[in-house]
């Protein structure tokens, strides 16, 4: 079953319920694409800094952990695609971009570490 264009919305990523609900409704998740992002103002408060990291890095990590655990236990091979940004490679100098770029560098590194565990049932990719 394809939900192309049906799951194309902004949402609250502070909750872990979307991935749980998807698993319960469909009984499996064929592919996970982490492509969260948020705006970066020029003057970030600590709360805004934490929100960017929570949105771009923490939620991607927690969703990946949940989905991969379920997939491994169900013995079905699927893929995780983390959408990073060219900012993680060479654009961190943009005004207000330090938090965004830092979160995307973290996403790149998280993907590399997960790949290093050689999870045979899952294919991990990170796209800049």
PDB file of N, CA and C in Angstrom:
ATOM      1  N   UNK A   1       0.843  -1.174   0.000  1.00  0.00           N
ATOM      2  CA  UNK A   1       0.000   0.000   0.000  1.00  0.00           C
ATOM      3  C   UNK A   1       0.885   1.234   0.000  1.00  0.00           C
ATOM      4  N   UNK A   2       0.640   2.125  -0.881  1.00  0.00           N
ATOM      5  CA  UNK A   2       1.420   3.353  -0.978  1.00  0.00           C
ATOM      6  C   UNK A   2       0.610   4.527  -0.455  1.00  0.00           C
ATOM      7  N   UNK A   3       1.260   5.348   0.345  1.00  0.00           N
ATOM      8  CA  UNK A   3       0.608   6.541   0.846  1.00  0.00           C
ATOM      9  C   UNK A   3       1.250   7.786   0.254  1.00  0.00           C
ATOM     10  N   UNK A   4       1.763   7.658  -0.953  1.00  0.00           N
ATOM     11  CA  UNK A   4       2.410   8.780  -1.617  1.00  0.00           C
ATOM     12  C   UNK A   4       1.481   9.988  -1.614  1.00  0.00           C
ATOM     13  N   UNK A   5       2.000  11.102  -1.226  1.00  0.00           N
ATOM     14  CA  UNK A   5       1.277  12.368  -1.132  1.00  0.00           C
ATOM     15  C   UNK A   5       0.237  12.401  -0.023  1.00  0.00           C
ATOM     16  N   UNK A   6       0.002  11.303   0.654  1.00  0.00           N
ATOM     17  CA  UNK A   6      -0.926  11.316   1.769  1.00  0.00           C
ATOM     18  C   UNK A   6      -0.212  11.659   3.066  1.00  0.00           C
ATOM     19  N   UNK A   7       1.069  11.337   3.153  1.00  0.00           N
ATOM     20  CA  UNK A   7       1.852  11.694   4.330  1.00  0.00           C
ATOM     21  C   UNK A   7       2.813  12.785   3.891  1.00  0.00           C
ATOM     22  N   UNK A   8       2.282  13.950   3.712  1.00  0.00           N
ATOM     23  CA  UNK A   8       3.048  15.087   3.231  1.00  0.00           C
ATOM     24  C   UNK A   8       2.570  16.296   4.017  1.00  0.00           C
ATOM     25  N   UNK A   9       3.017  16.381   5.268  1.00  0.00           N
ATOM     26  CA  UNK A   9       2.488  17.423   6.120  1.00  0.00           C
ATOM     27  C   UNK A   9       3.484  17.817   7.188  1.00  0.00           C
ATOM     28  N   UNK A  10       3.238  18.980   7.765  1.00  0.00           N
ATOM     29  CA  UNK A  10       4.005  19.402   8.917  1.00  0.00           C
ATOM     30  C   UNK A  10       3.376  18.758  10.132  1.00  0.00           C
ATOM     31  N   UNK A  11       4.189  18.403  11.086  1.00  0.00           N
ATOM     32  CA  UNK A  11       3.640  17.780  12.266  1.00  0.00           C
ATOM     33  C   UNK A  11       4.509  18.007  13.476  1.00  0.00           C
ATOM     34  N   UNK A  12       4.004  17.622  14.610  1.00  0.00           N
ATOM     35  CA  UNK A  12       4.723  17.743  15.866  1.00  0.00           C
ATOM     36  C   UNK A  12       5.605  16.525  16.032  1.00  0.00           C
ATOM     37  N   UNK A  13       6.911  16.731  15.965  1.00  0.00           N
ATOM     38  CA  UNK A  13       7.844  15.616  16.082  1.00  0.00           C
ATOM     39  C   UNK A  13       8.300  15.385  17.512  1.00  0.00           C
ATOM     40  N   UNK A  14       7.670  16.045  18.461  1.00  0.00           N
ATOM     41  CA  UNK A  14       8.072  15.864  19.851  1.00  0.00           C
ATOM     42  C   UNK A  14       7.460  14.607  20.451  1.00  0.00           C
ATOM     43  N   UNK A  15       6.581  13.955  19.722  1.00  0.00           N
ATOM     44  CA  UNK A  15       5.915  12.746  20.190  1.00  0.00           C
ATOM     45  C   UNK A  15       6.410  11.537  19.411  1.00  0.00           C
ATOM     46  N   UNK A  16       6.430  10.384  20.061  1.00  0.00           N
ATOM     47  CA  UNK A  16       6.846   9.161  19.369  1.00  0.00           C
ATOM     48  C   UNK A  16       5.649   8.389  18.838  1.00  0.00           C
ATOM     49  N   UNK A  17       4.469   8.970  18.904  1.00  0.00           N
ATOM     50  CA  UNK A  17       3.284   8.220  18.494  1.00  0.00           C
ATOM     51  C   UNK A  17       3.132   8.002  16.994  1.00  0.00           C
ATOM     52  N   UNK A  18       3.600   8.884  16.094  1.00  0.00           N
ATOM     53  CA  UNK A  18       3.359   8.623  14.665  1.00  0.00           C
ATOM     54  C   UNK A  18       3.920   7.297  14.170  1.00  0.00           C
ATOM     55  N   UNK A  19       5.157   6.958  14.544  1.00  0.00           N
ATOM     56  CA  UNK A  19       5.722   5.697  14.077  1.00  0.00           C
ATOM     57  C   UNK A  19       5.035   4.505  14.718  1.00  0.00           C
ATOM     58  N   UNK A  20       4.631   4.642  15.952  1.00  0.00           N
ATOM     59  CA  UNK A  20       3.902   3.553  16.614  1.00  0.00           C
ATOM     60  C   UNK A  20       2.538   3.341  15.947  1.00  0.00           C
ATOM     61  N   UNK A  21       1.854   4.434  15.676  1.00  0.00           N
ATOM     62  CA  UNK A  21       0.551   4.339  15.015  1.00  0.00           C
ATOM     63  C   UNK A  21       0.677   3.717  13.632  1.00  0.00           C
ATOM     64  N   UNK A  22       1.697   4.110  12.875  1.00  0.00           N
ATOM     65  CA  UNK A  22       1.896   3.548  11.535  1.00  0.00           C
ATOM     66  C   UNK A  22       2.123   2.047  11.620  1.00  0.00           C
ATOM     67  N   UNK A  23       2.947   1.606  12.575  1.00  0.00           N
ATOM     68  CA  UNK A  23       3.216   0.171  12.710  1.00  0.00           C
ATOM     69  C   UNK A  23       1.937  -0.571  13.081  1.00  0.00           C
ATOM     70  N   UNK A  24       1.169  -0.010  14.011  1.00  0.00           N
ATOM     71  CA  UNK A  24      -0.062  -0.671  14.441  1.00  0.00           C
ATOM     72  C   UNK A  24      -1.089  -0.748  13.307  1.00  0.00           C
ATOM     73  N   UNK A  25      -1.197   0.294  12.513  1.00  0.00           N
ATOM     74  CA  UNK A  25      -2.177   0.319  11.422  1.00  0.00           C
ATOM     75  C   UNK A  25      -1.778  -0.615  10.286  1.00  0.00           C
ATOM     76  N   UNK A  26      -0.504  -0.571   9.874  1.00  0.00           N
ATOM     77  CA  UNK A  26      -0.065  -1.314   8.695  1.00  0.00           C
ATOM     78  C   UNK A  26       0.649  -2.624   9.014  1.00  0.00           C
ATOM     79  N   UNK A  27       1.087  -2.795  10.266  1.00  0.00           N
ATOM     80  CA  UNK A  27       1.774  -4.027  10.639  1.00  0.00           C
ATOM     81  C   UNK A  27       3.210  -4.103  10.161  1.00  0.00           C
ATOM     82  N   UNK A  28       3.697  -3.070   9.515  1.00  0.00           N
ATOM     83  CA  UNK A  28       5.069  -3.017   9.029  1.00  0.00           C
ATOM     84  C   UNK A  28       5.350  -1.612   8.503  1.00  0.00           C
ATOM     85  N   UNK A  29       6.616  -1.320   8.365  1.00  0.00           N
ATOM     86  CA  UNK A  29       7.052  -0.072   7.746  1.00  0.00           C
ATOM     87  C   UNK A  29       8.099  -0.451   6.720  1.00  0.00           C
ATOM     88  N   UNK A  30       7.824  -0.200   5.463  1.00  0.00           N
ATOM     89  CA  UNK A  30       8.718  -0.608   4.379  1.00  0.00           C
ATOM     90  C   UNK A  30       9.921   0.304   4.233  1.00  0.00           C
ATOM     91  N   UNK A  31       9.753   1.569   4.468  1.00  0.00           N
ATOM     92  CA  UNK A  31      10.859   2.517   4.337  1.00  0.00           C
ATOM     93  C   UNK A  31      10.616   3.683   5.276  1.00  0.00           C
ATOM     94  N   UNK A  32      11.683   4.184   5.833  1.00  0.00           N
ATOM     95  CA  UNK A  32      11.615   5.339   6.719  1.00  0.00           C
ATOM     96  C   UNK A  32      12.476   6.432   6.118  1.00  0.00           C
ATOM     97  N   UNK A  33      11.908   7.592   5.927  1.00  0.00           N
ATOM     98  CA  UNK A  33      12.666   8.730   5.412  1.00  0.00           C
ATOM     99  C   UNK A  33      12.614   9.830   6.460  1.00  0.00           C
ATOM    100  N   UNK A  34      13.754  10.065   7.105  1.00  0.00           N
ATOM    101  CA  UNK A  34      13.860  11.133   8.089  1.00  0.00           C
ATOM    102  C   UNK A  34      14.215  12.414   7.354  1.00  0.00           C
ATOM    103  N   UNK A  35      13.261  13.320   7.266  1.00  0.00           N
ATOM    104  CA  UNK A  35      13.483  14.566   6.536  1.00  0.00           C
ATOM    105  C   UNK A  35      12.894  15.739   7.308  1.00  0.00           C
ATOM    106  N   UNK A  36      13.116  15.744   8.603  1.00  0.00           N
ATOM    107  CA  UNK A  36      12.583  16.820   9.434  1.00  0.00           C
ATOM    108  C   UNK A  36      13.467  18.047   9.328  1.00  0.00           C
ATOM    109  N   UNK A  37      12.872  19.175   9.522  1.00  0.00           N
ATOM    110  CA  UNK A  37      13.636  20.411   9.518  1.00  0.00           C
ATOM    111  C   UNK A  37      12.827  21.521  10.159  1.00  0.00           C
ATOM    112  N   UNK A  38      13.496  22.584  10.515  1.00  0.00           N
ATOM    113  CA  UNK A  38      12.804  23.743  11.058  1.00  0.00           C
ATOM    114  C   UNK A  38      13.619  24.989  10.745  1.00  0.00           C
ATOM    115  N   UNK A  39      12.991  26.120  10.881  1.00  0.00           N
ATOM    116  CA  UNK A  39      13.642  27.374  10.535  1.00  0.00           C
ATOM    117  C   UNK A  39      14.661  27.773  11.592  1.00  0.00           C
ATOM    118  N   UNK A  40      15.644  28.554  11.153  1.00  0.00           N
ATOM    119  CA  UNK A  40      16.679  29.039  12.061  1.00  0.00           C
ATOM    120  C   UNK A  40      16.704  30.562  12.082  1.00  0.00           C
ATOM    121  N   UNK A  41      16.325  31.182  13.181  1.00  0.00           N
ATOM    122  CA  UNK A  41      16.450  32.632  13.272  1.00  0.00           C
ATOM    123  C   UNK A  41      17.908  33.028  13.497  1.00  0.00           C
ATOM    124  N   UNK A  42      18.217  34.279  13.247  1.00  0.00           N
ATOM    125  CA  UNK A  42      19.597  34.735  13.423  1.00  0.00           C
ATOM    126  C   UNK A  42      20.047  34.665  14.876  1.00  0.00           C
ATOM    127  N   UNK A  43      19.186  35.018  15.781  1.00  0.00           N
ATOM    128  CA  UNK A  43      19.536  35.002  17.207  1.00  0.00           C
ATOM    129  C   UNK A  43      18.772  33.874  17.882  1.00  0.00           C
ATOM    130  N   UNK A  44      19.440  32.774  18.092  1.00  0.00           N
ATOM    131  CA  UNK A  44      18.785  31.610  18.682  1.00  0.00           C
ATOM    132  C   UNK A  44      18.876  31.635  20.199  1.00  0.00           C
ATOM    133  N   UNK A  45      17.764  31.387  20.827  1.00  0.00           N
ATOM    134  CA  UNK A  45      17.781  31.179  22.271  1.00  0.00           C
ATOM    135  C   UNK A  45      18.194  29.730  22.520  1.00  0.00           C
ATOM    136  N   UNK A  46      18.479  29.408  23.755  1.00  0.00           N
ATOM    137  CA  UNK A  46      18.815  28.019  24.086  1.00  0.00           C
ATOM    138  C   UNK A  46      17.643  27.096  23.755  1.00  0.00           C
ATOM    139  N   UNK A  47      16.439  27.575  23.993  1.00  0.00           N
ATOM    140  CA  UNK A  47      15.251  26.770  23.680  1.00  0.00           C
ATOM    141  C   UNK A  47      15.156  26.493  22.173  1.00  0.00           C
ATOM    142  N   UNK A  48      15.438  27.513  21.355  1.00  0.00           N
ATOM    143  CA  UNK A  48      15.394  27.329  19.902  1.00  0.00           C
ATOM    144  C   UNK A  48      16.502  26.387  19.434  1.00  0.00           C
ATOM    145  N   UNK A  49      17.706  26.517  20.005  1.00  0.00           N
ATOM    146  CA  UNK A  49      18.825  25.614  19.705  1.00  0.00           C
ATOM    147  C   UNK A  49      18.399  24.177  19.981  1.00  0.00           C
ATOM    148  N   UNK A  50      17.854  23.958  21.182  1.00  0.00           N
ATOM    149  CA  UNK A  50      17.428  22.611  21.563  1.00  0.00           C
ATOM    150  C   UNK A  50      16.317  22.094  20.657  1.00  0.00           C
ATOM    151  N   UNK A  51      15.424  22.973  20.237  1.00  0.00           N
ATOM    152  CA  UNK A  51      14.339  22.561  19.354  1.00  0.00           C
ATOM    153  C   UNK A  51      14.867  22.089  17.998  1.00  0.00           C
ATOM    154  N   UNK A  52      15.851  22.807  17.442  1.00  0.00           N
ATOM    155  CA  UNK A  52      16.432  22.403  16.156  1.00  0.00           C
ATOM    156  C   UNK A  52      17.108  21.042  16.292  1.00  0.00           C
ATOM    157  N   UNK A  53      17.901  20.858  17.350  1.00  0.00           N
ATOM    158  CA  UNK A  53      18.569  19.563  17.549  1.00  0.00           C
ATOM    159  C   UNK A  53      17.558  18.451  17.804  1.00  0.00           C
ATOM    160  N   UNK A  54      16.536  18.753  18.586  1.00  0.00           N
ATOM    161  CA  UNK A  54      15.505  17.752  18.879  1.00  0.00           C
ATOM    162  C   UNK A  54      14.765  17.358  17.595  1.00  0.00           C
ATOM    163  N   UNK A  55      14.449  18.336  16.761  1.00  0.00           N
ATOM    164  CA  UNK A  55      13.714  18.067  15.525  1.00  0.00           C
ATOM    165  C   UNK A  55      14.565  17.319  14.504  1.00  0.00           C
ATOM    166  N   UNK A  56      15.767  17.809  14.244  1.00  0.00           N
ATOM    167  CA  UNK A  56      16.597  17.264  13.166  1.00  0.00           C
ATOM    168  C   UNK A  56      17.394  16.031  13.549  1.00  0.00           C
ATOM    169  N   UNK A  57      17.743  15.880  14.811  1.00  0.00           N
ATOM    170  CA  UNK A  57      18.625  14.781  15.206  1.00  0.00           C
ATOM    171  C   UNK A  57      17.969  13.798  16.173  1.00  0.00           C
ATOM    172  N   UNK A  58      17.463  14.303  17.285  1.00  0.00           N
ATOM    173  CA  UNK A  58      16.911  13.406  18.305  1.00  0.00           C
ATOM    174  C   UNK A  58      15.732  12.597  17.775  1.00  0.00           C
ATOM    175  N   UNK A  59      14.770  13.260  17.128  1.00  0.00           N
ATOM    176  CA  UNK A  59      13.604  12.521  16.629  1.00  0.00           C
ATOM    177  C   UNK A  59      13.989  11.529  15.542  1.00  0.00           C
ATOM    178  N   UNK A  60      14.928  11.909  14.665  1.00  0.00           N
ATOM    179  CA  UNK A  60      15.384  10.959  13.639  1.00  0.00           C
ATOM    180  C   UNK A  60      15.982   9.725  14.288  1.00  0.00           C
ATOM    181  N   UNK A  61      16.752   9.933  15.342  1.00  0.00           N
ATOM    182  CA  UNK A  61      17.365   8.815  16.056  1.00  0.00           C
ATOM    183  C   UNK A  61      16.311   7.929  16.711  1.00  0.00           C
ATOM    184  N   UNK A  62      15.358   8.539  17.396  1.00  0.00           N
ATOM    185  CA  UNK A  62      14.342   7.759  18.103  1.00  0.00           C
ATOM    186  C   UNK A  62      13.405   7.023  17.146  1.00  0.00           C
ATOM    187  N   UNK A  63      13.026   7.671  16.055  1.00  0.00           N
ATOM    188  CA  UNK A  63      12.167   7.006  15.065  1.00  0.00           C
ATOM    189  C   UNK A  63      12.917   5.839  14.429  1.00  0.00           C
ATOM    190  N   UNK A  64      14.190   6.051  14.086  1.00  0.00           N
ATOM    191  CA  UNK A  64      15.003   4.970  13.502  1.00  0.00           C
ATOM    192  C   UNK A  64      15.122   3.802  14.469  1.00  0.00           C
ATOM    193  N   UNK A  65      15.370   4.099  15.728  1.00  0.00           N
ATOM    194  CA  UNK A  65      15.495   3.046  16.749  1.00  0.00           C
ATOM    195  C   UNK A  65      14.206   2.233  16.840  1.00  0.00           C
ATOM    196  N   UNK A  66      13.070   2.913  16.909  1.00  0.00           N
ATOM    197  CA  UNK A  66      11.795   2.218  17.026  1.00  0.00           C
ATOM    198  C   UNK A  66      11.523   1.347  15.801  1.00  0.00           C
ATOM    199  N   UNK A  67      11.642   1.941  14.621  1.00  0.00           N
ATOM    200  CA  UNK A  67      11.330   1.213  13.390  1.00  0.00           C
ATOM    201  C   UNK A  67      12.295   0.049  13.190  1.00  0.00           C
ATOM    202  N   UNK A  68      13.588   0.267  13.388  1.00  0.00           N
ATOM    203  CA  UNK A  68      14.575  -0.801  13.176  1.00  0.00           C
ATOM    204  C   UNK A  68      14.376  -1.955  14.147  1.00  0.00           C
ATOM    205  N   UNK A  69      14.066  -1.642  15.393  1.00  0.00           N
ATOM    206  CA  UNK A  69      13.807  -2.703  16.370  1.00  0.00           C
ATOM    207  C   UNK A  69      12.626  -3.552  15.922  1.00  0.00           C
ATOM    208  N   UNK A  70      11.564  -2.909  15.473  1.00  0.00           N
ATOM    209  CA  UNK A  70      10.391  -3.641  14.997  1.00  0.00           C
ATOM    210  C   UNK A  70      10.711  -4.487  13.767  1.00  0.00           C
ATOM    211  N   UNK A  71      11.448  -3.912  12.830  1.00  0.00           N
ATOM    212  CA  UNK A  71      11.775  -4.610  11.587  1.00  0.00           C
ATOM    213  C   UNK A  71      12.677  -5.807  11.854  1.00  0.00           C
ATOM    214  N   UNK A  72      13.661  -5.634  12.710  1.00  0.00           N
ATOM    215  CA  UNK A  72      14.566  -6.739  13.036  1.00  0.00           C
ATOM    216  C   UNK A  72      13.792  -7.863  13.714  1.00  0.00           C
ATOM    217  N   UNK A  73      12.923  -7.524  14.652  1.00  0.00           N
ATOM    218  CA  UNK A  73      12.123  -8.546  15.333  1.00  0.00           C
ATOM    219  C   UNK A  73      11.158  -9.245  14.380  1.00  0.00           C
ATOM    220  N   UNK A  74      10.658  -8.524  13.379  1.00  0.00           N
ATOM    221  CA  UNK A  74       9.732  -9.108  12.403  1.00  0.00           C
ATOM    222  C   UNK A  74      10.463  -9.815  11.264  1.00  0.00           C
ATOM    223  N   UNK A  75      11.799  -9.674  11.232  1.00  0.00           N
ATOM    224  CA  UNK A  75      12.641 -10.299  10.208  1.00  0.00           C
ATOM    225  C   UNK A  75      12.232  -9.884   8.789  1.00  0.00           C
ATOM    226  N   UNK A  76      12.004  -8.602   8.626  1.00  0.00           N
ATOM    227  CA  UNK A  76      11.715  -8.070   7.297  1.00  0.00           C
ATOM    228  C   UNK A  76      12.752  -6.997   6.980  1.00  0.00           C
ATOM    229  N   UNK A  77      13.345  -7.068   5.831  1.00  0.00           N
ATOM    230  CA  UNK A  77      14.376  -6.111   5.446  1.00  0.00           C
ATOM    231  C   UNK A  77      13.788  -4.894   4.763  1.00  0.00           C
ATOM    232  N   UNK A  78      14.183  -3.747   5.220  1.00  0.00           N
ATOM    233  CA  UNK A  78      13.696  -2.496   4.652  1.00  0.00           C
ATOM    234  C   UNK A  78      14.827  -1.473   4.673  1.00  0.00           C
ATOM    235  N   UNK A  79      14.496  -0.206   4.407  1.00  0.00           N
ATOM    236  CA  UNK A  79      15.551   0.803   4.371  1.00  0.00           C
ATOM    237  C   UNK A  79      15.187   2.040   5.173  1.00  0.00           C
ATOM    238  N   UNK A  80      16.227   2.715   5.640  1.00  0.00           N
ATOM    239  CA  UNK A  80      16.098   3.999   6.314  1.00  0.00           C
ATOM    240  C   UNK A  80      16.871   5.008   5.485  1.00  0.00           C
ATOM    241  N   UNK A  81      16.249   6.101   5.144  1.00  0.00           N
ATOM    242  CA  UNK A  81      16.900   7.172   4.396  1.00  0.00           C
ATOM    243  C   UNK A  81      16.848   8.437   5.227  1.00  0.00           C
ATOM    244  N   UNK A  82      18.005   8.881   5.669  1.00  0.00           N
ATOM    245  CA  UNK A  82      18.101  10.120   6.419  1.00  0.00           C
ATOM    246  C   UNK A  82      18.449  11.239   5.445  1.00  0.00           C
ATOM    247  N   UNK A  83      17.608  12.240   5.397  1.00  0.00           N
ATOM    248  CA  UNK A  83      17.845  13.370   4.506  1.00  0.00           C
ATOM    249  C   UNK A  83      18.613  14.425   5.288  1.00  0.00           C
ATOM    250  N   UNK A  84      19.842  14.635   4.902  1.00  0.00           N
ATOM    251  CA  UNK A  84      20.695  15.604   5.577  1.00  0.00           C
ATOM    252  C   UNK A  84      20.648  16.912   4.796  1.00  0.00           C
ATOM    253  N   UNK A  85      21.761  17.579   4.705  1.00  0.00           N
ATOM    254  CA  UNK A  85      21.814  18.859   4.003  1.00  0.00           C
ATOM    255  C   UNK A  85      23.240  19.161   3.600  1.00  0.00           C
ATOM    256  N   UNK A  86      23.388  19.857   2.507  1.00  0.00           N
ATOM    257  CA  UNK A  86      24.723  20.298   2.110  1.00  0.00           C
ATOM    258  C   UNK A  86      25.316  21.207   3.187  1.00  0.00           C
ATOM    259  N   UNK A  87      24.465  21.774   4.020  1.00  0.00           N
ATOM    260  CA  UNK A  87      24.944  22.602   5.131  1.00  0.00           C
ATOM    261  C   UNK A  87      25.861  21.826   6.061  1.00  0.00           C
ATOM    262  N   UNK A  88      25.665  20.522   6.128  1.00  0.00           N
ATOM    263  CA  UNK A  88      26.506  19.706   7.006  1.00  0.00           C
ATOM    264  C   UNK A  88      27.910  19.557   6.448  1.00  0.00           C
ATOM    265  N   UNK A  89      28.087  19.866   5.185  1.00  0.00           N
ATOM    266  CA  UNK A  89      29.391  19.707   4.547  1.00  0.00           C
ATOM    267  C   UNK A  89      30.156  21.016   4.424  1.00  0.00           C
ATOM    268  N   UNK A  90      29.473  22.086   4.025  1.00  0.00           N
ATOM    269  CA  UNK A  90      30.234  23.309   3.785  1.00  0.00           C
ATOM    270  C   UNK A  90      29.439  24.599   3.877  1.00  0.00           C
ATOM    271  N   UNK A  91      28.244  24.567   4.417  1.00  0.00           N
ATOM    272  CA  UNK A  91      27.442  25.790   4.429  1.00  0.00           C
ATOM    273  C   UNK A  91      27.137  26.282   5.837  1.00  0.00           C
ATOM    274  N   UNK A  92      27.846  25.770   6.830  1.00  0.00           N
ATOM    275  CA  UNK A  92      27.578  26.168   8.208  1.00  0.00           C
ATOM    276  C   UNK A  92      27.877  27.622   8.491  1.00  0.00           C
ATOM    277  N   UNK A  93      28.552  28.309   7.567  1.00  0.00           N
ATOM    278  CA  UNK A  93      28.904  29.699   7.788  1.00  0.00           C
ATOM    279  C   UNK A  93      27.741  30.655   7.526  1.00  0.00           C
ATOM    280  N   UNK A  94      26.616  30.166   7.048  1.00  0.00           N
ATOM    281  CA  UNK A  94      25.471  31.037   6.800  1.00  0.00           C
ATOM    282  C   UNK A  94      24.938  31.599   8.111  1.00  0.00           C
ATOM    283  N   UNK A  95      24.506  32.861   8.117  1.00  0.00           N
ATOM    284  CA  UNK A  95      23.944  33.441   9.338  1.00  0.00           C
ATOM    285  C   UNK A  95      22.791  32.599   9.862  1.00  0.00           C
ATOM    286  N   UNK A  96      22.825  32.291  11.130  1.00  0.00           N
ATOM    287  CA  UNK A  96      21.767  31.498  11.735  1.00  0.00           C
ATOM    288  C   UNK A  96      21.835  30.023  11.406  1.00  0.00           C
ATOM    289  N   UNK A  97      22.860  29.606  10.673  1.00  0.00           N
ATOM    290  CA  UNK A  97      22.919  28.227  10.212  1.00  0.00           C
ATOM    291  C   UNK A  97      23.703  27.278  11.086  1.00  0.00           C
ATOM    292  N   UNK A  98      24.338  27.780  12.141  1.00  0.00           N
ATOM    293  CA  UNK A  98      25.208  26.918  12.940  1.00  0.00           C
ATOM    294  C   UNK A  98      24.434  25.770  13.583  1.00  0.00           C
ATOM    295  N   UNK A  99      23.257  26.030  14.096  1.00  0.00           N
ATOM    296  CA  UNK A  99      22.479  24.969  14.739  1.00  0.00           C
ATOM    297  C   UNK A  99      21.996  23.957  13.716  1.00  0.00           C
ATOM    298  N   UNK A 100      21.463  24.449  12.620  1.00  0.00           N
ATOM    299  CA  UNK A 100      20.973  23.573  11.557  1.00  0.00           C
ATOM    300  C   UNK A 100      22.104  22.698  11.032  1.00  0.00           C
ATOM    301  N   UNK A 101      23.241  23.316  10.701  1.00  0.00           N
ATOM    302  CA  UNK A 101      24.379  22.558  10.176  1.00  0.00           C
ATOM    303  C   UNK A 101      24.873  21.546  11.200  1.00  0.00           C
ATOM    304  N   UNK A 102      24.933  21.939  12.471  1.00  0.00           N
ATOM    305  CA  UNK A 102      25.380  21.018  13.527  1.00  0.00           C
ATOM    306  C   UNK A 102      24.452  19.817  13.637  1.00  0.00           C
ATOM    307  N   UNK A 103      23.146  20.067  13.544  1.00  0.00           N
ATOM    308  CA  UNK A 103      22.197  18.960  13.647  1.00  0.00           C
ATOM    309  C   UNK A 103      22.340  18.005  12.471  1.00  0.00           C
ATOM    310  N   UNK A 104      22.635  18.532  11.285  1.00  0.00           N
ATOM    311  CA  UNK A 104      22.781  17.684  10.106  1.00  0.00           C
ATOM    312  C   UNK A 104      24.108  16.930  10.123  1.00  0.00           C
ATOM    313  N   UNK A 105      25.170  17.534  10.670  1.00  0.00           N
ATOM    314  CA  UNK A 105      26.429  16.800  10.872  1.00  0.00           C
ATOM    315  C   UNK A 105      26.167  15.629  11.817  1.00  0.00           C
ATOM    316  N   UNK A 106      25.406  15.881  12.876  1.00  0.00           N
ATOM    317  CA  UNK A 106      25.041  14.810  13.806  1.00  0.00           C
ATOM    318  C   UNK A 106      24.263  13.703  13.124  1.00  0.00           C
ATOM    319  N   UNK A 107      23.352  14.062  12.230  1.00  0.00           N
ATOM    320  CA  UNK A 107      22.574  13.067  11.486  1.00  0.00           C
ATOM    321  C   UNK A 107      23.479  12.226  10.594  1.00  0.00           C
ATOM    322  N   UNK A 108      24.430  12.873   9.924  1.00  0.00           N
ATOM    323  CA  UNK A 108      25.394  12.138   9.093  1.00  0.00           C
ATOM    324  C   UNK A 108      26.178  11.139   9.933  1.00  0.00           C
ATOM    325  N   UNK A 109      26.686  11.599  11.066  1.00  0.00           N
ATOM    326  CA  UNK A 109      27.494  10.737  11.934  1.00  0.00           C
ATOM    327  C   UNK A 109      26.652   9.613  12.518  1.00  0.00           C
ATOM    328  N   UNK A 110      25.433   9.918  12.945  1.00  0.00           N
ATOM    329  CA  UNK A 110      24.544   8.883  13.468  1.00  0.00           C
ATOM    330  C   UNK A 110      24.337   7.789  12.426  1.00  0.00           C
ATOM    331  N   UNK A 111      24.121   8.182  11.178  1.00  0.00           N
ATOM    332  CA  UNK A 111      23.917   7.211  10.101  1.00  0.00           C
ATOM    333  C   UNK A 111      25.150   6.335   9.927  1.00  0.00           C
ATOM    334  N   UNK A 112      26.340   6.942   9.942  1.00  0.00           N
ATOM    335  CA  UNK A 112      27.582   6.176   9.800  1.00  0.00           C
ATOM    336  C   UNK A 112      27.758   5.184  10.942  1.00  0.00           C
ATOM    337  N   UNK A 113      27.437   5.604  12.159  1.00  0.00           N
ATOM    338  CA  UNK A 113      27.571   4.707  13.316  1.00  0.00           C
ATOM    339  C   UNK A 113      26.593   3.544  13.196  1.00  0.00           C
ATOM    340  N   UNK A 114      25.356   3.824  12.812  1.00  0.00           N
ATOM    341  CA  UNK A 114      24.369   2.751  12.641  1.00  0.00           C
ATOM    342  C   UNK A 114      24.835   1.775  11.565  1.00  0.00           C
ATOM    343  N   UNK A 115      25.355   2.298  10.458  1.00  0.00           N
ATOM    344  CA  UNK A 115      25.864   1.437   9.387  1.00  0.00           C
ATOM    345  C   UNK A 115      26.992   0.554   9.903  1.00  0.00           C
ATOM    346  N   UNK A 116      27.822   1.076  10.798  1.00  0.00           N
ATOM    347  CA  UNK A 116      28.963   0.311  11.311  1.00  0.00           C
ATOM    348  C   UNK A 116      28.533  -0.914  12.106  1.00  0.00           C
ATOM    349  N   UNK A 117      27.288  -0.938  12.571  1.00  0.00           N
ATOM    350  CA  UNK A 117      26.797  -2.107  13.294  1.00  0.00           C
ATOM    351  C   UNK A 117      26.370  -3.222  12.350  1.00  0.00           C
ATOM    352  N   UNK A 118      26.464  -2.976  11.033  1.00  0.00           N
ATOM    353  CA  UNK A 118      26.192  -3.987  10.015  1.00  0.00           C
ATOM    354  C   UNK A 118      24.834  -4.647  10.226  1.00  0.00           C
ATOM    355  N   UNK A 119      23.810  -3.844  10.234  1.00  0.00           N
ATOM    356  CA  UNK A 119      22.455  -4.353  10.416  1.00  0.00           C
ATOM    357  C   UNK A 119      21.982  -4.945   9.098  1.00  0.00           C
ATOM    358  N   UNK A 120      22.139  -6.232   8.955  1.00  0.00           N
ATOM    359  CA  UNK A 120      21.891  -6.935   7.701  1.00  0.00           C
ATOM    360  C   UNK A 120      20.475  -6.718   7.176  1.00  0.00           C
ATOM    361  N   UNK A 121      19.505  -6.631   8.047  1.00  0.00           N
ATOM    362  CA  UNK A 121      18.123  -6.524   7.602  1.00  0.00           C
ATOM    363  C   UNK A 121      17.742  -5.117   7.160  1.00  0.00           C
ATOM    364  N   UNK A 122      18.630  -4.168   7.349  1.00  0.00           N
ATOM    365  CA  UNK A 122      18.278  -2.789   7.038  1.00  0.00           C
ATOM    366  C   UNK A 122      19.328  -2.135   6.178  1.00  0.00           C
ATOM    367  N   UNK A 123      18.914  -1.342   5.249  1.00  0.00           N
ATOM    368  CA  UNK A 123      19.815  -0.541   4.424  1.00  0.00           C
ATOM    369  C   UNK A 123      19.696   0.901   4.894  1.00  0.00           C
ATOM    370  N   UNK A 124      20.814   1.484   5.320  1.00  0.00           N
ATOM    371  CA  UNK A 124      20.829   2.867   5.790  1.00  0.00           C
ATOM    372  C   UNK A 124      21.510   3.753   4.772  1.00  0.00           C
ATOM    373  N   UNK A 125      20.926   4.896   4.512  1.00  0.00           N
ATOM    374  CA  UNK A 125      21.503   5.884   3.604  1.00  0.00           C
ATOM    375  C   UNK A 125      21.372   7.255   4.245  1.00  0.00           C
ATOM    376  N   UNK A 126      22.291   8.131   3.894  1.00  0.00           N
ATOM    377  CA  UNK A 126      22.180   9.521   4.307  1.00  0.00           C
ATOM    378  C   UNK A 126      22.456  10.377   3.088  1.00  0.00           C
ATOM    379  N   UNK A 127      21.507  11.204   2.730  1.00  0.00           N
ATOM    380  CA  UNK A 127      21.622  12.032   1.535  1.00  0.00           C
ATOM    381  C   UNK A 127      21.800  13.486   1.920  1.00  0.00           C
ATOM    382  N   UNK A 128      22.795  14.133   1.313  1.00  0.00           N
ATOM    383  CA  UNK A 128      23.027  15.561   1.560  1.00  0.00           C
ATOM    384  C   UNK A 128      22.347  16.378   0.486  1.00  0.00           C
TER     385      UNK A 128
END
